[in-house]
Amino acid sequence: MTPAALTPLPSTPQWEDADTFYEQLMDAHAGLTAEQSALLNARLILVLAHQIGRRDVLEACIATARLPG
């Protein structure tokens, strides 16, 4: 699929409580080795992808994450 055909992602924030989420994420990584942290991130990505469920949205998320900056 070409980037032009990707589902557009919302440009406005979708957070309910970004600060709390960030704190929980940092707490989840506390005390982990770099390898354990990477595995946690991989599992979290798969859990979140399962919750999103739509391939077109997931594809747009991947493309957006690959953009520089």
C-alpha atoms as a PDB file:
ATOM      1  CA  MET A   1       0.000   0.000   0.000  1.00  0.00           C
ATOM      2  CA  THR A   2       1.370   3.422  -0.861  1.00  0.00           C
ATOM      3  CA  PRO A   3       1.541   6.191   1.752  1.00  0.00           C
ATOM      4  CA  ALA A   4      -1.146   8.172  -0.118  1.00  0.00           C
ATOM      5  CA  ALA A   5      -3.612   5.319   0.441  1.00  0.00           C
ATOM      6  CA  LEU A   6      -3.026   5.106   4.183  1.00  0.00           C
ATOM      7  CA  THR A   7      -5.825   5.874   6.607  1.00  0.00           C
ATOM      8  CA  PRO A   8      -5.200   9.365   7.959  1.00  0.00           C
ATOM      9  CA  LEU A   9      -4.468   9.453  11.676  1.00  0.00           C
ATOM     10  CA  PRO A  10      -6.093  12.132  13.855  1.00  0.00           C
ATOM     11  CA  SER A  11      -3.854  15.165  14.249  1.00  0.00           C
ATOM     12  CA  THR A  12      -5.421  16.227  17.536  1.00  0.00           C
ATOM     13  CA  PRO A  13      -4.337  14.537  20.778  1.00  0.00           C
ATOM     14  CA  GLN A  14      -6.408  11.485  21.720  1.00  0.00           C
ATOM     15  CA  TRP A  15      -5.129  11.197  25.316  1.00  0.00           C
ATOM     16  CA  GLU A  16      -7.419  10.925  28.299  1.00  0.00           C
ATOM     17  CA  ASP A  17      -4.544  11.412  30.748  1.00  0.00           C
ATOM     18  CA  ALA A  18      -1.167  11.466  29.026  1.00  0.00           C
ATOM     19  CA  ASP A  19       0.859  12.221  32.149  1.00  0.00           C
ATOM     20  CA  THR A  20      -0.550   9.244  34.036  1.00  0.00           C
ATOM     21  CA  PHE A  21       0.032   6.953  31.070  1.00  0.00           C
ATOM     22  CA  TYR A  22       3.645   8.117  30.762  1.00  0.00           C
ATOM     23  CA  GLU A  23       4.208   7.585  34.503  1.00  0.00           C
ATOM     24  CA  GLN A  24       2.721   4.071  34.303  1.00  0.00           C
ATOM     25  CA  LEU A  25       4.890   3.268  31.298  1.00  0.00           C
ATOM     26  CA  MET A  26       8.041   4.451  33.060  1.00  0.00           C
ATOM     27  CA  ASP A  27       7.074   2.494  36.192  1.00  0.00           C
ATOM     28  CA  ALA A  28       6.595  -0.645  34.077  1.00  0.00           C
ATOM     29  CA  HIS A  29      10.187  -0.304  32.841  1.00  0.00           C
ATOM     30  CA  ALA A  30      11.687   0.414  36.270  1.00  0.00           C
ATOM     31  CA  GLY A  31      14.319  -2.126  37.253  1.00  0.00           C
ATOM     32  CA  LEU A  32      14.320  -3.938  33.904  1.00  0.00           C
ATOM     33  CA  THR A  33      17.407  -4.672  31.871  1.00  0.00           C
ATOM     34  CA  ALA A  34      17.610  -3.240  28.355  1.00  0.00           C
ATOM     35  CA  GLU A  35      16.586  -6.641  26.969  1.00  0.00           C
ATOM     36  CA  GLN A  36      13.633  -6.962  29.353  1.00  0.00           C
ATOM     37  CA  SER A  37      12.573  -3.409  28.505  1.00  0.00           C
ATOM     38  CA  ALA A  38      12.675  -4.170  24.776  1.00  0.00           C
ATOM     39  CA  LEU A  39      10.560  -7.295  25.348  1.00  0.00           C
ATOM     40  CA  LEU A  40       8.056  -5.300  27.386  1.00  0.00           C
ATOM     41  CA  ASN A  41       7.817  -2.766  24.542  1.00  0.00           C
ATOM     42  CA  ALA A  42       7.280  -5.545  21.993  1.00  0.00           C
ATOM     43  CA  ARG A  43       4.529  -7.146  24.081  1.00  0.00           C
ATOM     44  CA  LEU A  44       2.893  -3.763  24.702  1.00  0.00           C
ATOM     45  CA  ILE A  45       2.893  -3.005  20.967  1.00  0.00           C
ATOM     46  CA  LEU A  46       1.148  -6.319  20.265  1.00  0.00           C
ATOM     47  CA  VAL A  47      -1.426  -5.753  23.021  1.00  0.00           C
ATOM     48  CA  LEU A  48      -2.178  -2.247  21.744  1.00  0.00           C
ATOM     49  CA  ALA A  49      -2.368  -3.486  18.139  1.00  0.00           C
ATOM     50  CA  HIS A  50      -4.867  -6.117  19.276  1.00  0.00           C
ATOM     51  CA  GLN A  51      -6.980  -3.373  20.867  1.00  0.00           C
ATOM     52  CA  ILE A  52      -6.866  -1.211  17.714  1.00  0.00           C
ATOM     53  CA  GLY A  53      -7.602  -4.177  15.501  1.00  0.00           C
ATOM     54  CA  ARG A  54      -7.903  -2.375  12.161  1.00  0.00           C
ATOM     55  CA  ARG A  55      -5.117  -3.220   9.724  1.00  0.00           C
ATOM     56  CA  ASP A  56      -5.445   0.123   7.898  1.00  0.00           C
ATOM     57  CA  VAL A  57      -5.008   2.090  11.134  1.00  0.00           C
ATOM     58  CA  LEU A  58      -2.102  -0.099  12.243  1.00  0.00           C
ATOM     59  CA  GLU A  59      -0.429   0.370   8.858  1.00  0.00           C
ATOM     60  CA  ALA A  60      -0.824   4.152   9.160  1.00  0.00           C
ATOM     61  CA  CYS A  61       0.636   4.022  12.692  1.00  0.00           C
ATOM     62  CA  ILE A  62       3.679   2.094  11.463  1.00  0.00           C
ATOM     63  CA  ALA A  63       4.214   4.525   8.596  1.00  0.00           C
ATOM     64  CA  THR A  64       3.898   7.493  10.948  1.00  0.00           C
ATOM     65  CA  ALA A  65       6.336   5.971  13.447  1.00  0.00           C
ATOM     66  CA  ARG A  66       8.908   5.564  10.663  1.00  0.00           C
ATOM     67  CA  LEU A  67       8.852   9.271   9.793  1.00  0.00           C
ATOM     68  CA  PRO A  68      11.937  11.188  10.867  1.00  0.00           C
ATOM     69  CA  GLY A  69      11.762  13.337  13.967  1.00  0.00           C
END
